[in-house]
Amino acid sequence: MATIELYLVRHGQTYLNKYHRMQGWSDSPLTDQGIADADRVGQRLAKIPFAAAYASDMLRAQTTAQHILAANDTLDVADLQTAPALREENFGFFEGLDSTFTAHFVGSPVGSHSYDAMIRDLTIEKTRDLIKEHDPFHDAENDQEFWDRLQPGLDAIVAAAQDGDKVVIATHGTTIRSIVSKYSDIDVASSAKNGSVTKLTVKDGHYKVNYFNNTTGKLK
């Protein structure tokens, strides 16, 4: 039975993060703080012998991955592979809007007034469906659409790996929370922080979350 270890890294802070804007399929560069986030996590992961490295096709994830690989003892920047399947959730009409306004607009009818509160009160899966329902253009992804995109991408990464491989993936906050919610009972009401590491072990196709949102502890 093959065992693969996946290290999911949330990208460094972006300008849209800094301005508290919804940032799904929209994109913005890393801030100076975001570059520091990427360099810091790169140093924390430097000694792990990765067999492969992936990022979503969004600039913020690719830049973060490049800084991680620049510090790694095994891989370098040229080894990075990108995949649209690893993108953040698509927030549709709400892309780029103030996140507090968006959460209030979508969540207040059900008594939740922040994005984290909606996830706590409704689950992350139902929150995604609710955002889709409130999108006047219906471009936002519902939970089924999100997983129809993401799961094949994750499975393809695992299928390409060999037994014992360690793989680093630079991706996004809600994507990471969603994976953790699906494959564990860990509370995801608080977002993964920029530059944090979440680890999964995939054994014979079964996903298990080892830890979530590690920002300072030892990585193994």
C-alpha atoms as a PDB file:
ATOM      1  CA  MET A   1       0.000   0.000   0.000  1.00  0.00           C
ATOM      2  CA  ALA A   2       1.442   3.373  -1.057  1.00  0.00           C
ATOM      3  CA  THR A   3       1.757   6.121   1.531  1.00  0.00           C
ATOM      4  CA  ILE A   4       2.149   9.731   0.355  1.00  0.00           C
ATOM      5  CA  GLU A   5       2.620  12.818   2.554  1.00  0.00           C
ATOM      6  CA  LEU A   6       1.153  16.131   1.361  1.00  0.00           C
ATOM      7  CA  TYR A   7       2.312  19.433   2.865  1.00  0.00           C
ATOM      8  CA  LEU A   8      -0.279  22.122   2.089  1.00  0.00           C
ATOM      9  CA  VAL A   9       1.010  25.685   2.437  1.00  0.00           C
ATOM     10  CA  ARG A  10      -1.213  28.735   2.399  1.00  0.00           C
ATOM     11  CA  HIS A  11       0.315  31.473   0.249  1.00  0.00           C
ATOM     12  CA  GLY A  12       1.844  34.563   1.846  1.00  0.00           C
ATOM     13  CA  GLN A  13      -0.165  37.715   2.520  1.00  0.00           C
ATOM     14  CA  THR A  14      -1.421  39.521  -0.592  1.00  0.00           C
ATOM     15  CA  TYR A  15      -2.644  43.068  -1.076  1.00  0.00           C
ATOM     16  CA  LEU A  16      -6.240  41.847  -1.201  1.00  0.00           C
ATOM     17  CA  ASN A  17      -5.637  39.980   2.080  1.00  0.00           C
ATOM     18  CA  LYS A  18      -4.226  43.176   3.568  1.00  0.00           C
ATOM     19  CA  TYR A  19      -7.276  45.171   2.473  1.00  0.00           C
ATOM     20  CA  HIS A  20      -9.706  42.455   3.681  1.00  0.00           C
ATOM     21  CA  ARG A  21     -11.129  41.762   0.229  1.00  0.00           C
ATOM     22  CA  MET A  22     -12.644  38.528  -1.066  1.00  0.00           C
ATOM     23  CA  GLN A  23      -9.946  36.787  -3.058  1.00  0.00           C
ATOM     24  CA  GLY A  24     -10.904  33.578  -4.770  1.00  0.00           C
ATOM     25  CA  TRP A  25     -10.182  33.450  -8.481  1.00  0.00           C
ATOM     26  CA  SER A  26      -9.153  37.108  -8.291  1.00  0.00           C
ATOM     27  CA  ASP A  27      -5.449  37.554  -7.692  1.00  0.00           C
ATOM     28  CA  SER A  28      -3.000  40.095  -6.333  1.00  0.00           C
ATOM     29  CA  PRO A  29       0.733  40.134  -5.631  1.00  0.00           C
ATOM     30  CA  LEU A  30       2.294  39.284  -2.303  1.00  0.00           C
ATOM     31  CA  THR A  31       2.999  42.204  -0.010  1.00  0.00           C
ATOM     32  CA  ASP A  32       6.400  42.598   1.648  1.00  0.00           C
ATOM     33  CA  GLN A  33       4.875  40.733   4.566  1.00  0.00           C
ATOM     34  CA  GLY A  34       3.729  38.038   2.137  1.00  0.00           C
ATOM     35  CA  ILE A  35       7.246  37.605   0.776  1.00  0.00           C
ATOM     36  CA  ALA A  36       8.474  37.296   4.356  1.00  0.00           C
ATOM     37  CA  ASP A  37       5.748  34.685   4.995  1.00  0.00           C
ATOM     38  CA  ALA A  38       6.948  32.679   1.980  1.00  0.00           C
ATOM     39  CA  ASP A  39      10.604  32.929   2.973  1.00  0.00           C
ATOM     40  CA  ARG A  40       9.820  31.902   6.536  1.00  0.00           C
ATOM     41  CA  VAL A  41       7.888  28.806   5.572  1.00  0.00           C
ATOM     42  CA  GLY A  42      10.566  27.990   3.010  1.00  0.00           C
ATOM     43  CA  GLN A  43      13.161  27.898   5.762  1.00  0.00           C
ATOM     44  CA  ARG A  44      10.889  25.732   7.908  1.00  0.00           C
ATOM     45  CA  LEU A  45      10.486  23.245   5.047  1.00  0.00           C
ATOM     46  CA  ALA A  46      14.051  23.462   3.739  1.00  0.00           C
ATOM     47  CA  LYS A  47      15.260  20.116   5.094  1.00  0.00           C
ATOM     48  CA  ILE A  48      12.241  18.071   4.027  1.00  0.00           C
ATOM     49  CA  PRO A  49      13.197  15.940   0.980  1.00  0.00           C
ATOM     50  CA  PHE A  50      10.279  16.708  -1.306  1.00  0.00           C
ATOM     51  CA  ALA A  51       9.808  14.508  -4.361  1.00  0.00           C
ATOM     52  CA  ALA A  52       7.482  16.978  -6.098  1.00  0.00           C
ATOM     53  CA  ALA A  53       6.122  20.512  -5.759  1.00  0.00           C
ATOM     54  CA  TYR A  54       2.808  21.930  -6.938  1.00  0.00           C
ATOM     55  CA  ALA A  55       0.966  25.247  -6.811  1.00  0.00           C
ATOM     56  CA  SER A  56      -2.361  26.520  -8.031  1.00  0.00           C
ATOM     57  CA  ASP A  57      -2.113  28.605 -11.186  1.00  0.00           C
ATOM     58  CA  MET A  58      -2.727  31.807  -9.210  1.00  0.00           C
ATOM     59  CA  LEU A  59       0.211  34.219  -8.943  1.00  0.00           C
ATOM     60  CA  ARG A  60       0.126  34.340  -5.145  1.00  0.00           C
ATOM     61  CA  ALA A  61       0.482  30.564  -4.821  1.00  0.00           C
ATOM     62  CA  GLN A  62       3.166  30.295  -7.491  1.00  0.00           C
ATOM     63  CA  THR A  63       5.247  33.062  -5.934  1.00  0.00           C
ATOM     64  CA  THR A  64       4.993  31.414  -2.521  1.00  0.00           C
ATOM     65  CA  ALA A  65       6.036  28.062  -3.988  1.00  0.00           C
ATOM     66  CA  GLN A  66       9.011  29.637  -5.739  1.00  0.00           C
ATOM     67  CA  HIS A  67      10.302  31.042  -2.442  1.00  0.00           C
ATOM     68  CA  ILE A  68       9.787  27.660  -0.753  1.00  0.00           C
ATOM     69  CA  LEU A  69      11.731  25.840  -3.472  1.00  0.00           C
ATOM     70  CA  ALA A  70      14.511  28.437  -3.497  1.00  0.00           C
ATOM     71  CA  ALA A  71      15.274  27.374   0.078  1.00  0.00           C
ATOM     72  CA  ASN A  72      14.771  23.626  -0.346  1.00  0.00           C
ATOM     73  CA  ASP A  73      17.685  21.184  -0.219  1.00  0.00           C
ATOM     74  CA  THR A  74      16.103  18.706  -2.664  1.00  0.00           C
ATOM     75  CA  LEU A  75      14.072  20.579  -5.297  1.00  0.00           C
ATOM     76  CA  ASP A  76      14.482  23.920  -7.016  1.00  0.00           C
ATOM     77  CA  VAL A  77      12.173  26.436  -8.681  1.00  0.00           C
ATOM     78  CA  ALA A  78      12.319  24.652 -12.038  1.00  0.00           C
ATOM     79  CA  ASP A  79      10.591  21.633 -10.462  1.00  0.00           C
ATOM     80  CA  LEU A  80       7.367  23.533  -9.744  1.00  0.00           C
ATOM     81  CA  GLN A  81       4.188  22.238 -11.432  1.00  0.00           C
ATOM     82  CA  THR A  82       0.978  24.265 -11.538  1.00  0.00           C
ATOM     83  CA  ALA A  83      -2.640  23.141 -11.677  1.00  0.00           C
ATOM     84  CA  PRO A  84      -5.915  25.127 -11.931  1.00  0.00           C
ATOM     85  CA  ALA A  85      -7.587  22.387  -9.849  1.00  0.00           C
ATOM     86  CA  LEU A  86      -5.710  23.719  -6.800  1.00  0.00           C
ATOM     87  CA  ARG A  87      -7.268  27.196  -7.024  1.00  0.00           C
ATOM     88  CA  GLU A  88      -9.154  28.888  -4.237  1.00  0.00           C
ATOM     89  CA  GLU A  89     -12.946  28.714  -4.109  1.00  0.00           C
ATOM     90  CA  ASN A  90     -14.591  30.912  -6.736  1.00  0.00           C
ATOM     91  CA  PHE A  91     -16.659  33.571  -4.940  1.00  0.00           C
ATOM     92  CA  GLY A  92     -18.292  34.813  -8.145  1.00  0.00           C
ATOM     93  CA  PHE A  93     -20.006  38.202  -7.837  1.00  0.00           C
ATOM     94  CA  PHE A  94     -18.384  38.753  -4.440  1.00  0.00           C
ATOM     95  CA  GLU A  95     -14.810  38.598  -5.763  1.00  0.00           C
ATOM     96  CA  GLY A  96     -12.874  41.692  -4.713  1.00  0.00           C
ATOM     97  CA  LEU A  97     -15.589  43.029  -2.406  1.00  0.00           C
ATOM     98  CA  ASP A  98     -14.973  43.897   1.236  1.00  0.00           C
ATOM     99  CA  SER A  99     -15.055  40.608   3.145  1.00  0.00           C
ATOM    100  CA  THR A 100     -16.983  42.025   6.130  1.00  0.00           C
ATOM    101  CA  PHE A 101     -19.675  43.468   3.843  1.00  0.00           C
ATOM    102  CA  THR A 102     -19.901  40.197   1.911  1.00  0.00           C
ATOM    103  CA  ALA A 103     -20.214  38.069   5.031  1.00  0.00           C
ATOM    104  CA  HIS A 104     -22.888  40.373   6.444  1.00  0.00           C
ATOM    105  CA  PHE A 105     -24.828  40.394   3.163  1.00  0.00           C
ATOM    106  CA  VAL A 106     -24.762  36.610   2.815  1.00  0.00           C
ATOM    107  CA  GLY A 107     -24.807  35.558   6.457  1.00  0.00           C
ATOM    108  CA  SER A 108     -27.047  38.041   8.262  1.00  0.00           C
ATOM    109  CA  PRO A 109     -30.327  36.429   7.083  1.00  0.00           C
ATOM    110  CA  VAL A 110     -29.268  33.271   8.952  1.00  0.00           C
ATOM    111  CA  GLY A 111     -27.815  35.141  11.942  1.00  0.00           C
ATOM    112  CA  SER A 112     -24.118  34.964  11.030  1.00  0.00           C
ATOM    113  CA  HIS A 113     -22.229  38.206  10.544  1.00  0.00           C
ATOM    114  CA  SER A 114     -18.721  37.086   9.555  1.00  0.00           C
ATOM    115  CA  TYR A 115     -17.266  34.475   7.232  1.00  0.00           C
ATOM    116  CA  ASP A 116     -15.806  32.522  10.153  1.00  0.00           C
ATOM    117  CA  ALA A 117     -19.172  32.665  11.932  1.00  0.00           C
ATOM    118  CA  MET A 118     -20.931  31.239   8.897  1.00  0.00           C
ATOM    119  CA  ILE A 119     -18.460  28.364   8.793  1.00  0.00           C
ATOM    120  CA  ARG A 120     -18.877  27.797  12.530  1.00  0.00           C
ATOM    121  CA  ASP A 121     -22.675  27.973  12.426  1.00  0.00           C
ATOM    122  CA  LEU A 122     -23.427  26.371   9.054  1.00  0.00           C
ATOM    123  CA  THR A 123     -20.267  24.352   8.125  1.00  0.00           C
ATOM    124  CA  ILE A 124     -17.891  25.366   5.375  1.00  0.00           C
ATOM    125  CA  GLU A 125     -19.787  23.228   2.870  1.00  0.00           C
ATOM    126  CA  LYS A 126     -23.160  24.910   3.475  1.00  0.00           C
ATOM    127  CA  THR A 127     -21.475  28.308   3.523  1.00  0.00           C
ATOM    128  CA  ARG A 128     -20.212  27.669   0.015  1.00  0.00           C
ATOM    129  CA  ASP A 129     -23.713  26.727  -1.137  1.00  0.00           C
ATOM    130  CA  LEU A 130     -25.137  29.875   0.502  1.00  0.00           C
ATOM    131  CA  ILE A 131     -22.657  32.123  -1.293  1.00  0.00           C
ATOM    132  CA  LYS A 132     -23.665  30.525  -4.597  1.00  0.00           C
ATOM    133  CA  GLU A 133     -27.357  31.124  -3.796  1.00  0.00           C
ATOM    134  CA  HIS A 134     -26.742  34.831  -3.108  1.00  0.00           C
ATOM    135  CA  ASP A 135     -24.593  35.408  -6.202  1.00  0.00           C
ATOM    136  CA  PRO A 136     -26.901  37.184  -8.700  1.00  0.00           C
ATOM    137  CA  PHE A 137     -24.797  35.809 -11.575  1.00  0.00           C
ATOM    138  CA  HIS A 138     -24.485  32.310 -10.053  1.00  0.00           C
ATOM    139  CA  ASP A 139     -20.785  32.225 -10.953  1.00  0.00           C
ATOM    140  CA  ALA A 140     -19.680  31.295  -7.427  1.00  0.00           C
ATOM    141  CA  GLU A 141     -18.924  27.624  -6.876  1.00  0.00           C
ATOM    142  CA  ASN A 142     -21.257  25.567  -4.750  1.00  0.00           C
ATOM    143  CA  ASP A 143     -19.829  22.704  -2.724  1.00  0.00           C
ATOM    144  CA  GLN A 144     -20.369  20.074  -5.419  1.00  0.00           C
ATOM    145  CA  GLU A 145     -18.731  22.214  -8.106  1.00  0.00           C
ATOM    146  CA  PHE A 146     -15.803  22.994  -5.819  1.00  0.00           C
ATOM    147  CA  TRP A 147     -15.082  19.336  -5.083  1.00  0.00           C
ATOM    148  CA  ASP A 148     -15.680  18.246  -8.671  1.00  0.00           C
ATOM    149  CA  ARG A 149     -12.731  20.503  -9.521  1.00  0.00           C
ATOM    150  CA  LEU A 150     -10.454  19.987  -6.529  1.00  0.00           C
ATOM    151  CA  GLN A 151     -10.662  16.280  -5.745  1.00  0.00           C
ATOM    152  CA  PRO A 152      -9.474  15.034  -9.169  1.00  0.00           C
ATOM    153  CA  GLY A 153      -6.526  17.428  -8.873  1.00  0.00           C
ATOM    154  CA  LEU A 154      -5.531  16.054  -5.476  1.00  0.00           C
ATOM    155  CA  ASP A 155      -6.007  12.481  -6.640  1.00  0.00           C
ATOM    156  CA  ALA A 156      -3.821  13.119  -9.711  1.00  0.00           C
ATOM    157  CA  ILE A 157      -0.997  14.422  -7.491  1.00  0.00           C
ATOM    158  CA  VAL A 158      -1.228  11.316  -5.324  1.00  0.00           C
ATOM    159  CA  ALA A 159      -1.374   9.007  -8.356  1.00  0.00           C
ATOM    160  CA  ALA A 160       1.801  10.579  -9.779  1.00  0.00           C
ATOM    161  CA  ALA A 161       3.724   9.998  -6.535  1.00  0.00           C
ATOM    162  CA  GLN A 162       5.652   6.946  -5.384  1.00  0.00           C
ATOM    163  CA  ASP A 163       5.361   5.162  -2.052  1.00  0.00           C
ATOM    164  CA  GLY A 164       7.015   7.262   0.640  1.00  0.00           C
ATOM    165  CA  ASP A 165       7.065  10.501  -1.363  1.00  0.00           C
ATOM    166  CA  LYS A 166       6.658  13.864   0.327  1.00  0.00           C
ATOM    167  CA  VAL A 167       4.932  16.517  -1.791  1.00  0.00           C
ATOM    168  CA  VAL A 168       4.586  20.252  -1.127  1.00  0.00           C
ATOM    169  CA  ILE A 169       1.517  22.117  -2.430  1.00  0.00           C
ATOM    170  CA  ALA A 170       1.163  25.916  -2.324  1.00  0.00           C
ATOM    171  CA  THR A 171      -2.540  26.699  -2.293  1.00  0.00           C
ATOM    172  CA  HIS A 172      -5.205  28.800  -0.550  1.00  0.00           C
ATOM    173  CA  GLY A 173      -6.868  29.356   2.809  1.00  0.00           C
ATOM    174  CA  THR A 174     -10.416  28.236   2.101  1.00  0.00           C
ATOM    175  CA  THR A 175      -9.167  25.362  -0.039  1.00  0.00           C
ATOM    176  CA  ILE A 176      -7.076  24.106   2.875  1.00  0.00           C
ATOM    177  CA  ARG A 177      -9.928  24.551   5.355  1.00  0.00           C
ATOM    178  CA  SER A 178     -12.230  22.632   3.032  1.00  0.00           C
ATOM    179  CA  ILE A 179      -9.815  19.713   2.718  1.00  0.00           C
ATOM    180  CA  VAL A 180      -9.353  19.569   6.485  1.00  0.00           C
ATOM    181  CA  SER A 181     -13.120  19.715   7.034  1.00  0.00           C
ATOM    182  CA  LYS A 182     -13.719  16.847   4.594  1.00  0.00           C
ATOM    183  CA  TYR A 183     -11.056  14.539   5.966  1.00  0.00           C
ATOM    184  CA  SER A 184     -11.097  15.229   9.714  1.00  0.00           C
ATOM    185  CA  ASP A 185     -13.130  16.496  12.654  1.00  0.00           C
ATOM    186  CA  ILE A 186     -10.782  19.454  13.202  1.00  0.00           C
ATOM    187  CA  ASP A 187     -12.483  22.822  13.752  1.00  0.00           C
ATOM    188  CA  VAL A 188     -11.933  25.031  10.679  1.00  0.00           C
ATOM    189  CA  ALA A 189     -13.889  28.067  11.894  1.00  0.00           C
ATOM    190  CA  SER A 190     -10.568  29.953  12.039  1.00  0.00           C
ATOM    191  CA  SER A 191      -8.691  30.317   8.774  1.00  0.00           C
ATOM    192  CA  ALA A 192      -5.302  28.861   7.989  1.00  0.00           C
ATOM    193  CA  LYS A 193      -2.805  31.694   8.389  1.00  0.00           C
ATOM    194  CA  ASN A 194      -0.643  32.990   5.569  1.00  0.00           C
ATOM    195  CA  GLY A 195       2.472  30.835   5.370  1.00  0.00           C
ATOM    196  CA  SER A 196       1.047  28.081   7.581  1.00  0.00           C
ATOM    197  CA  VAL A 197       1.527  24.364   6.908  1.00  0.00           C
ATOM    198  CA  THR A 198      -1.144  21.667   6.990  1.00  0.00           C
ATOM    199  CA  LYS A 199      -0.091  18.042   6.550  1.00  0.00           C
ATOM    200  CA  LEU A 200      -2.050  15.116   5.139  1.00  0.00           C
ATOM    201  CA  THR A 201      -1.082  11.480   4.802  1.00  0.00           C
ATOM    202  CA  VAL A 202      -2.674   9.535   1.962  1.00  0.00           C
ATOM    203  CA  LYS A 203      -2.465   5.767   2.432  1.00  0.00           C
ATOM    204  CA  ASP A 204      -3.908   3.502  -0.235  1.00  0.00           C
ATOM    205  CA  GLY A 205      -6.117   6.378  -1.411  1.00  0.00           C
ATOM    206  CA  HIS A 206      -7.448   7.308   2.047  1.00  0.00           C
ATOM    207  CA  TYR A 207      -6.757  10.871   3.226  1.00  0.00           C
ATOM    208  CA  LYS A 208      -5.892  11.654   6.846  1.00  0.00           C
ATOM    209  CA  VAL A 209      -5.102  15.080   8.335  1.00  0.00           C
ATOM    210  CA  ASN A 210      -1.993  15.002  10.546  1.00  0.00           C
ATOM    211  CA  TYR A 211      -2.117  18.667  11.572  1.00  0.00           C
ATOM    212  CA  PHE A 212      -3.688  21.960  10.507  1.00  0.00           C
ATOM    213  CA  ASN A 213      -2.445  25.555  10.425  1.00  0.00           C
ATOM    214  CA  ASN A 214       1.049  24.952  11.854  1.00  0.00           C
ATOM    215  CA  THR A 215       2.831  28.308  11.984  1.00  0.00           C
ATOM    216  CA  THR A 216       5.630  27.825  14.515  1.00  0.00           C
ATOM    217  CA  GLY A 217       5.910  24.187  15.583  1.00  0.00           C
ATOM    218  CA  LYS A 218       8.360  21.631  14.268  1.00  0.00           C
ATOM    219  CA  LEU A 219       7.448  20.215  10.892  1.00  0.00           C
ATOM    220  CA  LYS A 220       7.812  16.506  10.239  1.00  0.00           C
END
